[in-house]
Amino acid sequence: MIDTSPANAAQRKERLHNLIDVTLRYRASSKTDLAQFLGRDNSRLYPDTDNPKLDLIVGLAQALDWPVDAVVDYVWSGGAHITRVAGGSPPRDFATCRDETIAALNRGDYDGALRLSQGMQALAGTAAEKAWGLRLWGLASEAQGHYGRAVAAYRRGLECSPIPRSERLALQINLAGASYCQWDLTSALAVSQYVARQFADARPADLRESVTEAVAYYVSGSSQRRLMTVQPDAVASLAQEARGDLRRAIDLFEQIVREYGAEDCGAMAQTCRGALLEVEAALGLLDPREALEQVRAALVVLEQPPDAWPKGDGLESLGWWCEFGANIAFRHLPDAQLQRYVEPFSESLLDVARLLRNWALIERAVSIQHAMHQRIVEVTGMKLPYPLDGEHVDLIAGAVGRFPRLRGDGWEILNGAARAAARKG
């Protein structure tokens, strides 16, 4: 929510003028020269507003050699990396604020969790408490699909020192997971493997550390699985490494279920089994058609009405199985047979993603459907319109803002939809 109060408006205007002063010093420029560079009248170099136009923001970014978002961040929030969230005042003590933040996350009140985790940071008396607040901020941001914000929060948390080993490892694996969702696969792989190595000589002390270790192998294996698509020349070596990590993750998640009864870890083990089908098909250890039939058998439940579907983590796991099936089909099937498999997988994936409002799954659904559409265009040589309904447009618009890798394809789809709507109008 935008804060339009007079006090904040005055602060934004002051920061804008300060930034213009900084720009003058940085460029060792006169006001006349800077105004000319920015395409402004010399008498209007300092605008009488707290809400500058886009051309001024872009011009200042070019003049300062800053990214545009850094200029916006400074003018709007004074350089704070975490956006202010409107709402009531947080509790006055850290422990109560922490408990309320966790409760808000558990019930799905992510706006409330963002506000409360910000309160945690303000109330923190130690570096460890500050890091904890930042990690919960990151988790709430991830739940809303804002993985870039989550990455920034986790990195800031890791800058806090000293913090306990378990909190540091939790922040690191959260960072790896958010990077993986953004397709920053090299970073995700490096961090997850680093975390996994921390347990070579010091076994997990409790449930939290046990989950951290298992997730480290899951993210490592999954990152290498995705890299198979990005680096087709290295499929064999990537698939071999991914296979070992995913099998290790399955063992660890199943051990956690046996020792602690954590049902969500059972769902994670099931997700790893699906990923293993894709990897073993790539290695030639499993016939691709047999792998596809195993995926189809696992997804039979999605042919029932949504009321009969699994809930929560179990349903999310089925969404990932849809992705694995589509990937196997793209990698191994001839064009003539591709649509028969990919279309039902992508439609089921989109249904699950919409129901869960899971943006990582939505990104996969949009990407797979776009890849299928592009393949049809290539095979037929026909410039076919992208099939869109109103809800699909909303999902693509939301995904484009959350996943930088979608911007090229996403803008192409949305521009095509706009042109089609204009023709109909």
Protein backbone atom coordinates (compact mmCIF):
# COMPACT_ATOMS: atom_id res chain seq x y z
CA MET A 1 0.00 0.00 0.00
CA ILE A 2 1.33 3.43 -0.98
CA ASP A 3 1.84 5.87 1.88
CA THR A 4 0.56 9.24 0.61
CA SER A 5 0.76 11.10 3.91
CA PRO A 6 2.18 14.64 3.75
CA ALA A 7 5.14 13.70 5.95
CA ASN A 8 6.23 10.88 3.65
CA ALA A 9 5.60 13.00 0.55
CA ALA A 10 7.90 15.70 1.94
CA GLN A 11 10.59 13.09 2.70
CA ARG A 12 10.41 11.68 -0.81
CA LYS A 13 10.71 15.16 -2.33
CA GLU A 14 13.73 15.89 -0.13
CA ARG A 15 15.40 12.60 -1.14
CA LEU A 16 14.77 13.34 -4.81
CA HIS A 17 16.46 16.74 -4.48
CA ASN A 18 19.32 15.16 -2.51
CA LEU A 19 19.81 12.64 -5.29
CA ILE A 20 20.02 15.39 -7.88
CA ASP A 21 22.71 17.06 -5.74
CA VAL A 22 24.59 13.74 -5.57
CA THR A 23 24.31 13.40 -9.34
CA LEU A 24 25.81 16.83 -9.85
CA ARG A 25 28.81 15.90 -7.67
CA TYR A 26 29.19 12.46 -9.26
CA ARG A 27 29.28 13.87 -12.78
CA ALA A 28 31.23 17.01 -11.74
CA SER A 29 28.58 18.77 -13.76
CA SER A 30 26.91 22.17 -13.72
CA LYS A 31 23.17 22.44 -13.19
CA THR A 32 22.80 23.60 -16.77
CA ASP A 33 24.70 20.62 -18.17
CA LEU A 34 22.79 18.14 -16.00
CA ALA A 35 19.44 19.68 -16.95
CA GLN A 36 20.42 19.35 -20.61
CA PHE A 37 21.45 15.70 -20.07
CA LEU A 38 18.10 14.98 -18.42
CA GLY A 39 16.17 16.86 -21.10
CA ARG A 40 14.76 19.34 -18.59
CA ASP A 41 14.53 23.11 -18.40
CA ASN A 42 17.27 24.52 -16.17
CA SER A 43 14.68 26.21 -13.93
CA ARG A 44 12.91 22.85 -13.39
CA LEU A 45 15.92 20.72 -12.53
CA TYR A 46 14.56 20.28 -9.00
CA PRO A 47 10.89 19.28 -9.50
CA ASP A 48 8.32 20.52 -7.02
CA THR A 49 6.92 17.03 -6.48
CA ASP A 50 7.53 13.83 -4.53
CA ASN A 51 6.35 11.75 -7.49
CA PRO A 52 8.83 12.29 -10.35
CA LYS A 53 7.99 11.21 -13.88
CA LEU A 54 9.55 8.12 -15.37
CA ASP A 55 11.82 10.04 -17.74
CA LEU A 56 13.50 11.78 -14.79
CA ILE A 57 13.97 8.50 -12.91
CA VAL A 58 15.52 6.84 -15.98
CA GLY A 59 17.68 9.89 -16.67
CA LEU A 60 19.03 9.98 -13.11
CA ALA A 61 19.79 6.27 -13.31
CA GLN A 62 21.80 6.82 -16.49
CA ALA A 63 23.58 9.84 -15.05
CA LEU A 64 24.53 7.98 -11.84
CA ASP A 65 25.28 4.62 -13.51
CA TRP A 66 22.68 3.10 -11.20
CA PRO A 67 20.01 0.56 -12.08
CA VAL A 68 16.57 2.16 -12.29
CA ASP A 69 15.27 0.18 -9.32
CA ALA A 70 18.04 1.61 -7.11
CA VAL A 71 16.90 5.16 -7.91
CA VAL A 72 13.29 4.21 -7.18
CA ASP A 73 14.33 2.51 -3.94
CA TYR A 74 16.24 5.56 -2.74
CA VAL A 75 13.57 8.13 -3.63
CA TRP A 76 10.70 6.04 -2.35
CA SER A 77 12.14 4.45 0.78
CA GLY A 78 15.43 6.18 1.52
CA GLY A 79 17.46 3.21 0.35
CA ALA A 80 15.76 0.67 2.62
CA HIS A 81 15.94 -2.71 0.95
CA ILE A 82 12.71 -3.96 2.45
CA THR A 83 9.42 -2.36 1.53
CA ARG A 84 7.30 -0.92 4.30
CA VAL A 85 4.04 -2.74 4.84
CA ALA A 86 0.99 -0.86 6.04
CA GLY A 87 -0.96 -2.16 8.99
CA GLY A 88 -1.33 -1.98 12.75
CA SER A 89 1.53 -1.54 15.16
CA PRO A 90 3.56 -4.69 15.94
CA PRO A 91 3.82 -6.05 19.48
CA ARG A 92 6.23 -4.29 21.82
CA ASP A 93 8.47 -7.28 22.61
CA PHE A 94 10.46 -9.48 20.25
CA ALA A 95 9.21 -12.88 21.44
CA THR A 96 5.54 -11.99 21.02
CA CYS A 97 6.22 -10.45 17.62
CA ARG A 98 8.13 -13.57 16.54
CA ASP A 99 5.32 -15.89 17.63
CA GLU A 100 2.70 -13.79 15.88
CA THR A 101 4.79 -13.69 12.70
CA ILE A 102 5.07 -17.48 12.64
CA ALA A 103 1.34 -17.82 13.34
CA ALA A 104 0.54 -15.43 10.46
CA LEU A 105 2.73 -17.47 8.10
CA ASN A 106 1.07 -20.72 9.16
CA ARG A 107 -2.45 -19.40 8.53
CA GLY A 108 -1.53 -17.84 5.18
CA ASP A 109 -1.70 -14.18 6.26
CA TYR A 110 1.41 -13.18 4.34
CA ASP A 111 0.80 -9.41 4.42
CA GLY A 112 0.48 -9.68 8.19
CA ALA A 113 3.65 -11.78 8.36
CA LEU A 114 5.54 -9.16 6.36
CA ARG A 115 4.43 -6.39 8.70
CA LEU A 116 5.19 -8.42 11.82
CA SER A 117 8.59 -9.62 10.60
CA GLN A 118 9.47 -5.98 9.97
CA GLY A 119 8.53 -5.39 13.61
CA MET A 120 10.83 -8.24 14.62
CA GLN A 121 13.74 -6.46 12.94
CA ALA A 122 12.91 -3.19 14.73
CA LEU A 123 12.66 -4.98 18.10
CA ALA A 124 15.69 -7.23 17.62
CA GLY A 125 18.29 -6.89 20.35
CA THR A 126 20.89 -9.21 18.82
CA ALA A 127 22.24 -10.05 15.38
CA ALA A 128 20.55 -13.46 15.62
CA GLU A 129 17.14 -11.87 16.24
CA LYS A 130 17.67 -9.48 13.33
CA ALA A 131 18.55 -12.41 11.06
CA TRP A 132 15.48 -14.34 12.24
CA GLY A 133 13.20 -11.43 11.34
CA LEU A 134 14.80 -11.16 7.91
CA ARG A 135 14.38 -14.88 7.27
CA LEU A 136 10.68 -14.74 8.15
CA TRP A 137 10.31 -11.69 5.91
CA GLY A 138 11.88 -13.77 3.14
CA LEU A 139 9.55 -16.71 3.73
CA ALA A 140 6.48 -14.44 3.56
CA SER A 141 7.81 -12.87 0.36
CA GLU A 142 8.38 -16.31 -1.17
CA ALA A 143 4.82 -17.32 -0.31
CA GLN A 144 3.63 -14.37 -2.42
CA GLY A 145 5.96 -15.32 -5.25
CA HIS A 146 8.36 -12.41 -4.70
CA TYR A 147 11.53 -14.47 -4.87
CA GLY A 148 13.79 -11.51 -5.67
CA ARG A 149 12.72 -9.79 -2.45
CA ALA A 150 13.24 -13.03 -0.57
CA VAL A 151 16.77 -13.40 -1.94
CA ALA A 152 17.59 -9.86 -0.80
CA ALA A 153 16.21 -10.57 2.69
CA TYR A 154 18.15 -13.83 3.08
CA ARG A 155 21.37 -12.18 1.95
CA ARG A 156 20.90 -9.37 4.47
CA GLY A 157 20.22 -11.96 7.15
CA LEU A 158 23.49 -13.71 6.32
CA GLU A 159 25.32 -10.42 6.78
CA CYS A 160 24.25 -10.39 10.45
CA SER A 161 26.92 -11.66 12.82
CA PRO A 162 27.23 -13.58 14.98
CA ILE A 163 24.27 -15.93 14.47
CA PRO A 164 23.87 -19.59 15.51
CA ARG A 165 24.92 -22.31 13.07
CA SER A 166 21.37 -23.62 12.62
CA GLU A 167 20.02 -20.14 11.74
CA ARG A 168 22.87 -19.51 9.32
CA LEU A 169 22.27 -22.85 7.57
CA ALA A 170 18.53 -22.17 7.42
CA LEU A 171 19.15 -18.78 5.80
CA GLN A 172 21.59 -20.33 3.33
CA ILE A 173 19.22 -23.08 2.22
CA ASN A 174 16.35 -20.58 1.98
CA LEU A 175 18.61 -18.46 -0.25
CA ALA A 176 19.40 -21.49 -2.40
CA GLY A 177 15.72 -22.41 -2.73
CA ALA A 178 14.64 -18.90 -3.71
CA SER A 179 17.49 -18.66 -6.23
CA TYR A 180 16.40 -21.99 -7.70
CA CYS A 181 12.83 -20.73 -8.15
CA GLN A 182 14.22 -17.70 -10.01
CA TRP A 183 16.31 -20.00 -12.25
CA ASP A 184 19.55 -18.61 -10.82
CA LEU A 185 20.70 -22.20 -10.97
CA THR A 186 24.45 -21.77 -10.59
CA SER A 187 23.97 -19.82 -7.36
CA ALA A 188 21.37 -22.29 -6.09
CA LEU A 189 23.68 -25.21 -6.82
CA ALA A 190 26.72 -23.66 -5.17
CA VAL A 191 24.91 -22.66 -1.97
CA SER A 192 22.96 -25.92 -1.61
CA GLN A 193 26.11 -28.01 -2.04
CA TYR A 194 27.91 -25.83 0.51
CA VAL A 195 25.08 -26.43 3.01
CA ALA A 196 25.11 -30.18 2.35
CA ARG A 197 28.85 -30.30 3.09
CA GLN A 198 28.31 -28.73 6.51
CA PHE A 199 26.68 -31.97 7.66
CA ALA A 200 29.57 -34.22 6.64
CA ASP A 201 31.30 -33.91 10.03
CA ALA A 202 28.46 -32.54 12.19
CA ARG A 203 25.23 -34.46 11.89
CA PRO A 204 21.90 -32.60 12.26
CA ALA A 205 21.16 -31.74 15.87
CA ASP A 206 17.37 -31.62 15.56
CA LEU A 207 14.38 -31.67 13.19
CA ARG A 208 15.16 -28.22 11.83
CA GLU A 209 18.72 -29.13 10.84
CA SER A 210 17.57 -32.51 9.48
CA VAL A 211 15.14 -30.75 7.14
CA THR A 212 17.85 -28.26 6.15
CA GLU A 213 20.17 -31.12 5.11
CA ALA A 214 17.45 -32.91 3.15
CA VAL A 215 16.40 -29.73 1.35
CA ALA A 216 20.04 -29.03 0.48
CA TYR A 217 20.24 -32.29 -1.49
CA TYR A 218 16.83 -31.63 -3.05
CA VAL A 219 17.85 -28.15 -4.28
CA SER A 220 21.24 -29.41 -5.48
CA GLY A 221 19.69 -32.28 -7.41
CA SER A 222 16.88 -30.14 -8.76
CA SER A 223 19.25 -27.38 -9.88
CA GLN A 224 21.32 -29.89 -11.84
CA ARG A 225 18.13 -31.37 -13.29
CA ARG A 226 17.10 -27.94 -14.60
CA LEU A 227 20.62 -27.27 -15.87
CA MET A 228 20.16 -30.29 -18.15
CA THR A 229 17.85 -28.07 -20.23
CA VAL A 230 20.11 -25.02 -20.06
CA GLN A 231 23.31 -26.99 -20.80
CA PRO A 232 22.33 -29.79 -23.20
CA ASP A 233 26.01 -30.55 -23.87
CA ALA A 234 26.44 -31.64 -20.24
CA VAL A 235 23.24 -33.67 -19.76
CA ALA A 236 24.99 -36.93 -18.88
CA SER A 237 27.20 -35.53 -16.12
CA LEU A 238 24.48 -33.27 -14.72
CA ALA A 239 21.94 -36.10 -14.69
CA GLN A 240 24.38 -38.43 -12.94
CA GLU A 241 25.07 -35.90 -10.18
CA ALA A 242 21.38 -35.02 -9.89
CA ARG A 243 20.48 -38.69 -9.51
CA GLY A 244 22.82 -39.11 -6.55
CA ASP A 245 21.56 -35.96 -4.81
CA LEU A 246 17.88 -36.75 -5.35
CA ARG A 247 18.27 -40.32 -4.06
CA ARG A 248 20.05 -38.95 -0.99
CA ALA A 249 17.25 -36.42 -0.49
CA ILE A 250 14.62 -39.17 -0.65
CA ASP A 251 16.46 -41.19 2.01
CA LEU A 252 16.75 -38.16 4.29
CA PHE A 253 13.13 -37.04 3.88
CA GLU A 254 11.87 -40.57 4.55
CA GLN A 255 14.07 -40.78 7.65
CA ILE A 256 12.55 -37.53 8.93
CA VAL A 257 9.04 -38.93 8.39
CA ARG A 258 9.96 -42.05 10.37
CA GLU A 259 11.61 -40.15 13.23
CA TYR A 260 9.39 -37.07 13.45
CA GLY A 261 6.20 -37.89 11.53
CA ALA A 262 6.58 -34.76 9.35
CA GLU A 263 4.03 -35.26 6.57
CA ASP A 264 5.34 -32.37 4.47
CA CYS A 265 8.65 -34.22 4.20
CA GLY A 266 6.77 -37.21 2.81
CA ALA A 267 5.47 -34.95 0.05
CA MET A 268 9.00 -33.68 -0.59
CA ALA A 269 10.23 -37.27 -0.95
CA GLN A 270 7.47 -37.88 -3.49
CA THR A 271 8.54 -34.79 -5.45
CA CYS A 272 12.10 -36.12 -5.53
CA ARG A 273 10.84 -39.44 -6.89
CA GLY A 274 9.18 -37.65 -9.77
CA ALA A 275 12.33 -35.64 -10.49
CA LEU A 276 14.28 -38.91 -10.45
CA LEU A 277 12.12 -40.23 -13.33
CA GLU A 278 13.19 -37.30 -15.50
CA VAL A 279 16.85 -37.76 -14.59
CA GLU A 280 16.91 -41.54 -15.10
CA ALA A 281 15.16 -41.20 -18.46
CA ALA A 282 17.87 -38.73 -19.51
CA LEU A 283 20.55 -41.22 -18.43
CA GLY A 284 18.94 -44.07 -20.38
CA LEU A 285 18.31 -46.01 -17.16
CA LEU A 286 14.55 -45.79 -17.69
CA ASP A 287 12.63 -45.91 -20.95
CA PRO A 288 11.11 -42.43 -21.48
CA ARG A 289 7.70 -43.87 -22.32
CA GLU A 290 7.74 -45.93 -19.14
CA ALA A 291 8.63 -42.77 -17.21
CA LEU A 292 5.74 -40.93 -18.87
CA GLU A 293 3.32 -43.71 -17.97
CA GLN A 294 4.47 -43.56 -14.35
CA VAL A 295 3.80 -39.81 -14.35
CA ARG A 296 0.37 -40.29 -15.90
CA ALA A 297 -0.49 -42.96 -13.31
CA ALA A 298 0.52 -40.64 -10.45
CA LEU A 299 -1.67 -37.85 -11.86
CA VAL A 300 -4.87 -39.91 -12.27
CA VAL A 301 -6.22 -38.32 -9.08
CA LEU A 302 -6.29 -34.94 -10.85
CA GLU A 303 -8.96 -36.30 -13.21
CA GLN A 304 -11.36 -36.19 -10.26
CA PRO A 305 -13.13 -33.01 -9.08
CA PRO A 306 -10.80 -30.67 -7.14
CA ASP A 307 -12.59 -31.48 -3.87
CA ALA A 308 -11.11 -34.97 -4.12
CA TRP A 309 -7.54 -33.79 -4.75
CA PRO A 310 -4.83 -34.03 -2.09
CA LYS A 311 -4.29 -30.94 0.01
CA GLY A 312 -1.34 -28.66 0.58
CA ASP A 313 2.10 -30.18 0.06
CA GLY A 314 0.69 -33.36 -1.47
CA LEU A 315 -1.06 -31.38 -4.18
CA GLU A 316 1.99 -29.21 -4.81
CA SER A 317 4.02 -32.38 -5.34
CA LEU A 318 1.58 -33.48 -8.06
CA GLY A 319 2.06 -30.09 -9.71
CA TRP A 320 5.80 -30.75 -9.92
CA TRP A 321 5.13 -34.20 -11.37
CA CYS A 322 3.26 -32.42 -14.19
CA GLU A 323 6.42 -30.44 -14.90
CA PHE A 324 8.59 -33.55 -14.85
CA GLY A 325 6.26 -35.29 -17.33
CA ALA A 326 6.33 -32.32 -19.70
CA ASN A 327 10.13 -32.16 -19.52
CA ILE A 328 10.46 -35.87 -20.32
CA ALA A 329 8.15 -35.46 -23.30
CA PHE A 330 10.02 -32.43 -24.65
CA ARG A 331 13.38 -34.16 -24.30
CA HIS A 332 12.51 -37.57 -25.75
CA LEU A 333 9.38 -37.56 -27.92
CA PRO A 334 9.12 -36.69 -31.61
CA ASP A 335 7.13 -33.58 -32.53
CA ALA A 336 4.19 -35.60 -33.81
CA GLN A 337 3.59 -37.12 -30.36
CA LEU A 338 4.56 -34.20 -28.19
CA GLN A 339 1.25 -32.39 -27.84
CA ARG A 340 -0.55 -35.56 -26.77
CA TYR A 341 1.49 -35.62 -23.55
CA VAL A 342 2.48 -32.03 -22.94
CA GLU A 343 -0.97 -30.50 -23.26
CA PRO A 344 -2.66 -32.55 -20.50
CA PHE A 345 0.38 -32.18 -18.25
CA SER A 346 0.47 -28.39 -18.68
CA GLU A 347 -3.30 -28.03 -18.20
CA SER A 348 -3.19 -30.07 -14.98
CA LEU A 349 -0.18 -28.07 -13.82
CA LEU A 350 -2.02 -24.80 -14.43
CA ASP A 351 -5.07 -26.08 -12.55
CA VAL A 352 -2.96 -27.04 -9.54
CA ALA A 353 -0.98 -23.79 -9.68
CA ARG A 354 -4.14 -21.69 -9.81
CA LEU A 355 -5.73 -23.53 -6.90
CA LEU A 356 -2.64 -23.23 -4.71
CA ARG A 357 -1.74 -19.76 -6.01
CA ASN A 358 1.79 -21.10 -6.14
CA TRP A 359 3.85 -18.77 -8.32
CA ALA A 360 6.72 -21.20 -8.85
CA LEU A 361 4.23 -23.66 -10.36
CA ILE A 362 2.55 -20.85 -12.32
CA GLU A 363 5.92 -19.95 -13.86
CA ARG A 364 6.40 -23.55 -14.94
CA ALA A 365 2.89 -23.75 -16.42
CA VAL A 366 3.31 -20.52 -18.40
CA SER A 367 6.78 -21.54 -19.64
CA ILE A 368 5.70 -25.03 -20.69
CA GLN A 369 2.60 -23.81 -22.52
CA HIS A 370 4.65 -21.14 -24.30
CA ALA A 371 7.30 -23.72 -25.29
CA MET A 372 4.58 -26.00 -26.68
CA HIS A 373 3.02 -23.14 -28.63
CA GLN A 374 6.43 -22.20 -30.06
CA ARG A 375 7.08 -25.81 -31.10
CA ILE A 376 3.73 -25.92 -32.93
CA VAL A 377 4.56 -22.68 -34.74
CA GLU A 378 7.98 -24.07 -35.76
CA VAL A 379 6.56 -27.36 -37.02
CA THR A 380 3.59 -25.91 -38.92
CA GLY A 381 5.27 -22.73 -40.11
CA MET A 382 2.09 -20.88 -39.19
CA LYS A 383 1.99 -17.76 -37.00
CA LEU A 384 -0.68 -18.96 -34.61
CA PRO A 385 -2.15 -16.71 -31.91
CA TYR A 386 -1.39 -17.68 -28.33
CA PRO A 387 -4.56 -19.11 -26.73
CA LEU A 388 -5.45 -16.86 -23.79
CA ASP A 389 -8.42 -16.39 -21.53
CA GLY A 390 -8.82 -13.56 -19.04
CA GLU A 391 -7.46 -15.50 -16.09
CA HIS A 392 -4.47 -16.67 -18.09
CA VAL A 393 -3.58 -13.06 -18.90
CA ASP A 394 -3.70 -12.23 -15.19
CA LEU A 395 -1.40 -15.14 -14.37
CA ILE A 396 1.10 -14.22 -17.07
CA ALA A 397 1.11 -10.59 -15.94
CA GLY A 398 1.78 -11.68 -12.35
CA ALA A 399 4.47 -14.15 -13.39
CA VAL A 400 6.30 -11.63 -15.61
CA GLY A 401 6.69 -9.31 -12.63
CA ARG A 402 8.01 -12.09 -10.41
CA PHE A 403 10.32 -13.96 -12.79
CA PRO A 404 12.78 -11.90 -14.85
CA ARG A 405 13.40 -14.89 -17.16
CA LEU A 406 9.77 -14.68 -18.34
CA ARG A 407 9.87 -11.06 -19.40
CA GLY A 408 10.82 -11.62 -23.02
CA ASP A 409 8.30 -14.40 -23.69
CA GLY A 410 5.74 -12.90 -21.32
CA TRP A 411 5.79 -9.49 -22.97
CA GLU A 412 5.44 -11.18 -26.37
CA ILE A 413 2.37 -13.08 -25.16
CA LEU A 414 0.78 -10.03 -23.51
CA ASN A 415 1.46 -7.82 -26.53
CA GLY A 416 -0.16 -10.44 -28.75
CA ALA A 417 -3.17 -10.57 -26.45
CA ALA A 418 -3.48 -6.78 -26.53
CA ARG A 419 -3.34 -6.75 -30.34
CA ALA A 420 -5.96 -9.51 -30.53
CA ALA A 421 -8.24 -7.59 -28.14
CA ALA A 422 -7.81 -4.42 -30.23
CA ARG A 423 -8.79 -6.27 -33.40
CA LYS A 424 -11.89 -7.65 -31.72
CA GLY A 425 -12.77 -4.18 -30.44
